[in-house]
Amino acid sequence: MRVKPIALVTAATKGIGLQIAKDLATHGLTVLVGSRNLEHAETAAKSIGAHARAFQLDVTNQASIAAAAKRIRNEFGRLDVLVNNAGMSHAGKQGISHAASLDELRSVFETNVFGVVAVTQAMLRLLGEAPAARIVSVDPSNPQRALFGSVCSPSKTALDAPTLAFAIEFEDAGANAACPGFTSTNLNNFEGTRTAGRAA
């Protein structure tokens, strides 16, 4: 009997993350819907269907990450796809670089860069159990970066470095960065030119 591939999507309760989760489920994967808020994850999982499972996962909390990895190990034994979708555009008022506080920069980098690294590191052994694992980090490419302000854009630029490092070190895992385009989500007050459904 063919075993269904397992995919974990972080911040999968709305926008691009939810659409990615829906698309993966449509293509026959069991989708683990990650969210800091378990209740939100459960609601999203129900909207996706029988092939979705709700997971409490805060990418800035090491205990939460470790608990999610342990649960995946216990329930599934492996992970075929990791989609690092969690991200934030700013922690305070969006504006120019010299006006952004270091605390705001640290907060955004904690999610957009260090969170991706922490989750990926925690899931590597599970990905190693899969026959053809894939790691995908959602990362707006250069043409869109200016649209996301002076805090998010540097964090996404910084994310390119560990993504490349994972790709070089773990060629078999297929680490990639994916740009969804200027997509209409709550991160840009729904001003994007593409819908989440088309972009994902």
C-alpha atoms as a PDB file:
ATOM      1  CA  MET A   1       0.000   0.000   0.000  1.00  0.00           C
ATOM      2  CA  ARG A   2       1.310   3.455  -0.949  1.00  0.00           C
ATOM      3  CA  VAL A   3       2.000   5.642   2.076  1.00  0.00           C
ATOM      4  CA  LYS A   4       0.724   9.209   1.790  1.00  0.00           C
ATOM      5  CA  PRO A   5       3.483  11.852   1.920  1.00  0.00           C
ATOM      6  CA  ILE A   6       3.463  14.120   4.966  1.00  0.00           C
ATOM      7  CA  ALA A   7       3.804  17.912   4.652  1.00  0.00           C
ATOM      8  CA  LEU A   8       4.185  20.504   7.400  1.00  0.00           C
ATOM      9  CA  VAL A   9       3.220  24.086   6.586  1.00  0.00           C
ATOM     10  CA  THR A  10       3.985  26.779   9.153  1.00  0.00           C
ATOM     11  CA  ALA A  11       1.485  29.634   9.593  1.00  0.00           C
ATOM     12  CA  ALA A  12      -1.055  27.746   7.505  1.00  0.00           C
ATOM     13  CA  THR A  13      -4.306  29.194   8.842  1.00  0.00           C
ATOM     14  CA  LYS A  14      -4.811  31.962   6.269  1.00  0.00           C
ATOM     15  CA  GLY A  15      -3.433  33.596   3.141  1.00  0.00           C
ATOM     16  CA  ILE A  16      -0.652  31.905   1.221  1.00  0.00           C
ATOM     17  CA  GLY A  17      -0.023  29.284   3.914  1.00  0.00           C
ATOM     18  CA  LEU A  18      -3.628  28.106   3.923  1.00  0.00           C
ATOM     19  CA  GLN A  19      -3.716  27.936   0.130  1.00  0.00           C
ATOM     20  CA  ILE A  20      -0.478  25.960   0.047  1.00  0.00           C
ATOM     21  CA  ALA A  21      -1.936  23.539   2.592  1.00  0.00           C
ATOM     22  CA  LYS A  22      -5.120  23.142   0.533  1.00  0.00           C
ATOM     23  CA  ASP A  23      -3.148  22.527  -2.660  1.00  0.00           C
ATOM     24  CA  LEU A  24      -0.914  19.930  -1.011  1.00  0.00           C
ATOM     25  CA  ALA A  25      -3.950  18.097   0.362  1.00  0.00           C
ATOM     26  CA  THR A  26      -5.544  18.173  -3.099  1.00  0.00           C
ATOM     27  CA  HIS A  27      -2.410  16.526  -4.471  1.00  0.00           C
ATOM     28  CA  GLY A  28      -2.694  13.629  -2.036  1.00  0.00           C
ATOM     29  CA  LEU A  29      -0.512  14.697   0.867  1.00  0.00           C
ATOM     30  CA  THR A  30      -1.401  14.599   4.538  1.00  0.00           C
ATOM     31  CA  VAL A  31      -0.981  18.221   5.609  1.00  0.00           C
ATOM     32  CA  LEU A  32       0.059  19.309   9.086  1.00  0.00           C
ATOM     33  CA  VAL A  33      -1.406  22.772   9.613  1.00  0.00           C
ATOM     34  CA  GLY A  34       0.983  24.726  11.818  1.00  0.00           C
ATOM     35  CA  SER A  35      -0.090  27.750  13.843  1.00  0.00           C
ATOM     36  CA  ARG A  36       0.831  29.472  17.104  1.00  0.00           C
ATOM     37  CA  ASN A  37      -2.857  29.211  17.983  1.00  0.00           C
ATOM     38  CA  LEU A  38      -4.086  25.605  18.037  1.00  0.00           C
ATOM     39  CA  GLU A  39      -7.725  26.647  17.774  1.00  0.00           C
ATOM     40  CA  HIS A  40      -6.978  28.542  14.561  1.00  0.00           C
ATOM     41  CA  ALA A  41      -5.084  25.520  13.250  1.00  0.00           C
ATOM     42  CA  GLU A  42      -8.064  23.279  13.983  1.00  0.00           C
ATOM     43  CA  THR A  43     -10.431  25.607  12.133  1.00  0.00           C
ATOM     44  CA  ALA A  44      -8.114  25.728   9.127  1.00  0.00           C
ATOM     45  CA  ALA A  45      -7.644  21.950   9.147  1.00  0.00           C
ATOM     46  CA  LYS A  46     -11.404  21.453   9.071  1.00  0.00           C
ATOM     47  CA  SER A  47     -11.664  23.771   6.059  1.00  0.00           C
ATOM     48  CA  ILE A  48      -9.008  21.735   4.244  1.00  0.00           C
ATOM     49  CA  GLY A  49     -10.607  18.376   4.885  1.00  0.00           C
ATOM     50  CA  ALA A  50      -9.877  14.897   6.128  1.00  0.00           C
ATOM     51  CA  HIS A  51      -6.239  14.942   5.039  1.00  0.00           C
ATOM     52  CA  ALA A  52      -5.289  17.837   7.343  1.00  0.00           C
ATOM     53  CA  ARG A  53      -4.123  17.777  10.971  1.00  0.00           C
ATOM     54  CA  ALA A  54      -3.852  20.757  13.304  1.00  0.00           C
ATOM     55  CA  PHE A  55      -0.468  21.396  14.938  1.00  0.00           C
ATOM     56  CA  GLN A  56       0.440  23.983  17.549  1.00  0.00           C
ATOM     57  CA  LEU A  57       3.708  25.463  16.314  1.00  0.00           C
ATOM     58  CA  ASP A  58       5.301  28.780  17.239  1.00  0.00           C
ATOM     59  CA  VAL A  59       8.463  29.176  15.142  1.00  0.00           C
ATOM     60  CA  THR A  60       9.931  31.541  17.753  1.00  0.00           C
ATOM     61  CA  ASN A  61       9.509  29.066  20.611  1.00  0.00           C
ATOM     62  CA  GLN A  62      11.993  26.198  20.812  1.00  0.00           C
ATOM     63  CA  ALA A  63       9.781  24.117  23.113  1.00  0.00           C
ATOM     64  CA  SER A  64       6.877  24.426  20.683  1.00  0.00           C
ATOM     65  CA  ILE A  65       9.098  23.415  17.767  1.00  0.00           C
ATOM     66  CA  ALA A  66      10.480  20.422  19.665  1.00  0.00           C
ATOM     67  CA  ALA A  67       6.980  19.306  20.663  1.00  0.00           C
ATOM     68  CA  ALA A  68       5.802  19.463  17.052  1.00  0.00           C
ATOM     69  CA  ALA A  69       8.803  17.459  15.862  1.00  0.00           C
ATOM     70  CA  LYS A  70       8.202  14.839  18.568  1.00  0.00           C
ATOM     71  CA  ARG A  71       4.541  14.551  17.631  1.00  0.00           C
ATOM     72  CA  ILE A  72       5.407  14.124  13.955  1.00  0.00           C
ATOM     73  CA  ARG A  73       7.928  11.434  14.886  1.00  0.00           C
ATOM     74  CA  ASN A  74       5.388   9.578  17.044  1.00  0.00           C
ATOM     75  CA  GLU A  75       2.431   9.819  14.666  1.00  0.00           C
ATOM     76  CA  PHE A  76       4.061   9.610  11.233  1.00  0.00           C
ATOM     77  CA  GLY A  77       7.714   8.643  11.611  1.00  0.00           C
ATOM     78  CA  ARG A  78       8.919  10.993   8.892  1.00  0.00           C
ATOM     79  CA  LEU A  79       8.332  14.277   7.075  1.00  0.00           C
ATOM     80  CA  ASP A  80       8.334  14.540   3.288  1.00  0.00           C
ATOM     81  CA  VAL A  81       7.795  18.276   2.811  1.00  0.00           C
ATOM     82  CA  LEU A  82       8.531  21.261   5.045  1.00  0.00           C
ATOM     83  CA  VAL A  83       7.081  24.603   3.953  1.00  0.00           C
ATOM     84  CA  ASN A  84       8.515  27.483   5.977  1.00  0.00           C
ATOM     85  CA  ASN A  85       5.716  29.966   5.398  1.00  0.00           C
ATOM     86  CA  ALA A  86       5.557  31.786   8.755  1.00  0.00           C
ATOM     87  CA  GLY A  87       6.573  35.410   8.458  1.00  0.00           C
ATOM     88  CA  MET A  88       5.786  38.933   9.542  1.00  0.00           C
ATOM     89  CA  SER A  89       6.152  42.224   7.692  1.00  0.00           C
ATOM     90  CA  HIS A  90       6.819  44.446  10.696  1.00  0.00           C
ATOM     91  CA  ALA A  91       6.459  44.481  14.461  1.00  0.00           C
ATOM     92  CA  GLY A  92       5.624  48.156  14.815  1.00  0.00           C
ATOM     93  CA  LYS A  93       4.659  50.940  12.440  1.00  0.00           C
ATOM     94  CA  GLN A  94       5.882  50.228   8.939  1.00  0.00           C
ATOM     95  CA  GLY A  95       8.277  52.894   7.738  1.00  0.00           C
ATOM     96  CA  ILE A  96      11.793  53.830   6.683  1.00  0.00           C
ATOM     97  CA  SER A  97      14.924  52.067   7.900  1.00  0.00           C
ATOM     98  CA  HIS A  98      16.320  54.741  10.213  1.00  0.00           C
ATOM     99  CA  ALA A  99      12.979  54.926  12.052  1.00  0.00           C
ATOM    100  CA  ALA A 100      12.781  51.197  12.823  1.00  0.00           C
ATOM    101  CA  SER A 101      13.914  50.254  16.311  1.00  0.00           C
ATOM    102  CA  LEU A 102      16.393  47.471  16.922  1.00  0.00           C
ATOM    103  CA  ASP A 103      13.745  45.689  18.979  1.00  0.00           C
ATOM    104  CA  GLU A 104      11.448  45.676  15.947  1.00  0.00           C
ATOM    105  CA  LEU A 105      14.227  44.395  13.694  1.00  0.00           C
ATOM    106  CA  ARG A 106      15.028  41.634  16.173  1.00  0.00           C
ATOM    107  CA  SER A 107      11.363  40.638  16.435  1.00  0.00           C
ATOM    108  CA  VAL A 108      10.930  40.326  12.664  1.00  0.00           C
ATOM    109  CA  PHE A 109      14.248  38.519  12.177  1.00  0.00           C
ATOM    110  CA  GLU A 110      13.274  36.114  14.986  1.00  0.00           C
ATOM    111  CA  THR A 111      10.329  34.919  12.893  1.00  0.00           C
ATOM    112  CA  ASN A 112      11.526  35.404   9.320  1.00  0.00           C
ATOM    113  CA  VAL A 113      15.099  34.142   9.672  1.00  0.00           C
ATOM    114  CA  PHE A 114      15.842  32.420  12.974  1.00  0.00           C
ATOM    115  CA  GLY A 115      12.412  30.769  13.052  1.00  0.00           C
ATOM    116  CA  VAL A 116      13.012  29.210   9.644  1.00  0.00           C
ATOM    117  CA  VAL A 117      16.428  27.936  10.707  1.00  0.00           C
ATOM    118  CA  ALA A 118      15.089  26.579  14.019  1.00  0.00           C
ATOM    119  CA  VAL A 119      12.184  24.695  12.448  1.00  0.00           C
ATOM    120  CA  THR A 120      14.322  23.332   9.607  1.00  0.00           C
ATOM    121  CA  GLN A 121      17.009  22.105  11.995  1.00  0.00           C
ATOM    122  CA  ALA A 122      14.388  20.427  14.196  1.00  0.00           C
ATOM    123  CA  MET A 123      12.822  18.629  11.229  1.00  0.00           C
ATOM    124  CA  LEU A 124      15.996  17.470   9.464  1.00  0.00           C
ATOM    125  CA  ARG A 125      16.024  13.976  10.972  1.00  0.00           C
ATOM    126  CA  LEU A 126      12.364  13.506  10.062  1.00  0.00           C
ATOM    127  CA  LEU A 127      13.071  14.747   6.538  1.00  0.00           C
ATOM    128  CA  GLY A 128      15.950  12.285   6.401  1.00  0.00           C
ATOM    129  CA  GLU A 129      13.456   9.438   6.831  1.00  0.00           C
ATOM    130  CA  ALA A 130      11.626  10.444   3.634  1.00  0.00           C
ATOM    131  CA  PRO A 131      12.658   9.036   0.237  1.00  0.00           C
ATOM    132  CA  ALA A 132      12.612  12.437  -1.516  1.00  0.00           C
ATOM    133  CA  ALA A 133      12.269  15.207   1.053  1.00  0.00           C
ATOM    134  CA  ARG A 134      11.699  18.845   0.115  1.00  0.00           C
ATOM    135  CA  ILE A 135      12.237  22.062   2.077  1.00  0.00           C
ATOM    136  CA  VAL A 136      10.590  25.216   0.749  1.00  0.00           C
ATOM    137  CA  SER A 137      10.920  28.666   2.316  1.00  0.00           C
ATOM    138  CA  VAL A 138       8.454  31.316   1.171  1.00  0.00           C
ATOM    139  CA  ASP A 139      10.609  34.299   0.263  1.00  0.00           C
ATOM    140  CA  PRO A 140       9.443  37.296  -1.807  1.00  0.00           C
ATOM    141  CA  SER A 141      11.996  37.904  -4.552  1.00  0.00           C
ATOM    142  CA  ASN A 142      13.725  41.232  -5.147  1.00  0.00           C
ATOM    143  CA  PRO A 143      11.021  43.031  -7.204  1.00  0.00           C
ATOM    144  CA  GLN A 144       8.535  42.647  -4.348  1.00  0.00           C
ATOM    145  CA  ARG A 145      10.854  43.345  -1.431  1.00  0.00           C
ATOM    146  CA  ALA A 146      10.564  47.126  -1.607  1.00  0.00           C
ATOM    147  CA  LEU A 147       6.828  46.794  -1.109  1.00  0.00           C
ATOM    148  CA  PHE A 148       7.219  45.238   2.331  1.00  0.00           C
ATOM    149  CA  GLY A 149       9.073  48.050   4.035  1.00  0.00           C
ATOM    150  CA  SER A 150      12.408  48.495   5.705  1.00  0.00           C
ATOM    151  CA  VAL A 151      12.192  45.652   8.230  1.00  0.00           C
ATOM    152  CA  CYS A 152      10.692  42.703   6.375  1.00  0.00           C
ATOM    153  CA  SER A 153      12.797  43.179   3.243  1.00  0.00           C
ATOM    154  CA  PRO A 154      16.172  42.940   5.038  1.00  0.00           C
ATOM    155  CA  SER A 155      14.956  39.864   6.903  1.00  0.00           C
ATOM    156  CA  LYS A 156      13.962  38.120   3.686  1.00  0.00           C
ATOM    157  CA  THR A 157      17.286  39.040   2.126  1.00  0.00           C
ATOM    158  CA  ALA A 158      18.997  37.525   5.159  1.00  0.00           C
ATOM    159  CA  LEU A 159      16.882  34.374   4.763  1.00  0.00           C
ATOM    160  CA  ASP A 160      18.526  33.709   1.400  1.00  0.00           C
ATOM    161  CA  ALA A 161      21.813  32.816   3.109  1.00  0.00           C
ATOM    162  CA  PRO A 162      20.626  29.932   5.343  1.00  0.00           C
ATOM    163  CA  THR A 163      18.346  28.707   2.548  1.00  0.00           C
ATOM    164  CA  LEU A 164      21.363  28.451   0.256  1.00  0.00           C
ATOM    165  CA  ALA A 165      23.389  26.830   3.033  1.00  0.00           C
ATOM    166  CA  PHE A 166      20.721  24.160   3.565  1.00  0.00           C
ATOM    167  CA  ALA A 167      20.514  23.589  -0.194  1.00  0.00           C
ATOM    168  CA  ILE A 168      24.271  23.051  -0.451  1.00  0.00           C
ATOM    169  CA  GLU A 169      24.596  20.916   2.670  1.00  0.00           C
ATOM    170  CA  PHE A 170      21.506  18.784   2.140  1.00  0.00           C
ATOM    171  CA  GLU A 171      21.222  18.372  -1.610  1.00  0.00           C
ATOM    172  CA  ASP A 172      19.028  15.310  -1.251  1.00  0.00           C
ATOM    173  CA  ALA A 173      16.488  17.312   0.762  1.00  0.00           C
ATOM    174  CA  GLY A 174      15.977  19.771  -2.064  1.00  0.00           C
ATOM    175  CA  ALA A 175      15.979  23.061  -0.123  1.00  0.00           C
ATOM    176  CA  ASN A 176      14.436  25.886  -2.116  1.00  0.00           C
ATOM    177  CA  ALA A 177      13.142  29.445  -1.800  1.00  0.00           C
ATOM    178  CA  ALA A 178       9.800  30.155  -3.475  1.00  0.00           C
ATOM    179  CA  CYS A 179       8.383  33.556  -4.355  1.00  0.00           C
ATOM    180  CA  PRO A 180       4.560  33.683  -4.474  1.00  0.00           C
ATOM    181  CA  GLY A 181       4.517  37.095  -6.149  1.00  0.00           C
ATOM    182  CA  PHE A 182       2.783  40.219  -4.845  1.00  0.00           C
ATOM    183  CA  THR A 183      -0.109  38.341  -3.317  1.00  0.00           C
ATOM    184  CA  SER A 184      -3.184  39.817  -1.670  1.00  0.00           C
ATOM    185  CA  THR A 185      -2.944  38.868   2.018  1.00  0.00           C
ATOM    186  CA  ASN A 186      -3.318  40.511   5.408  1.00  0.00           C
ATOM    187  CA  LEU A 187       0.444  41.230   5.411  1.00  0.00           C
ATOM    188  CA  ASN A 188      -0.079  43.944   2.781  1.00  0.00           C
ATOM    189  CA  ASN A 189      -3.626  44.957   3.735  1.00  0.00           C
ATOM    190  CA  PHE A 190      -4.875  42.868   0.791  1.00  0.00           C
ATOM    191  CA  GLU A 191      -3.323  45.268  -1.729  1.00  0.00           C
ATOM    192  CA  GLY A 192      -1.493  42.537  -3.647  1.00  0.00           C
ATOM    193  CA  THR A 193      -2.188  42.018  -7.311  1.00  0.00           C
ATOM    194  CA  ARG A 194      -2.655  38.244  -7.063  1.00  0.00           C
ATOM    195  CA  THR A 195      -4.979  36.206  -4.873  1.00  0.00           C
ATOM    196  CA  ALA A 196      -3.582  33.631  -2.475  1.00  0.00           C
ATOM    197  CA  GLY A 197      -5.314  30.905  -4.449  1.00  0.00           C
ATOM    198  CA  ARG A 198      -3.541  31.751  -7.692  1.00  0.00           C
ATOM    199  CA  ALA A 199      -0.211  32.517  -6.070  1.00  0.00           C
ATOM    200  CA  ALA A 200       0.166  29.307  -4.106  1.00  0.00           C
END
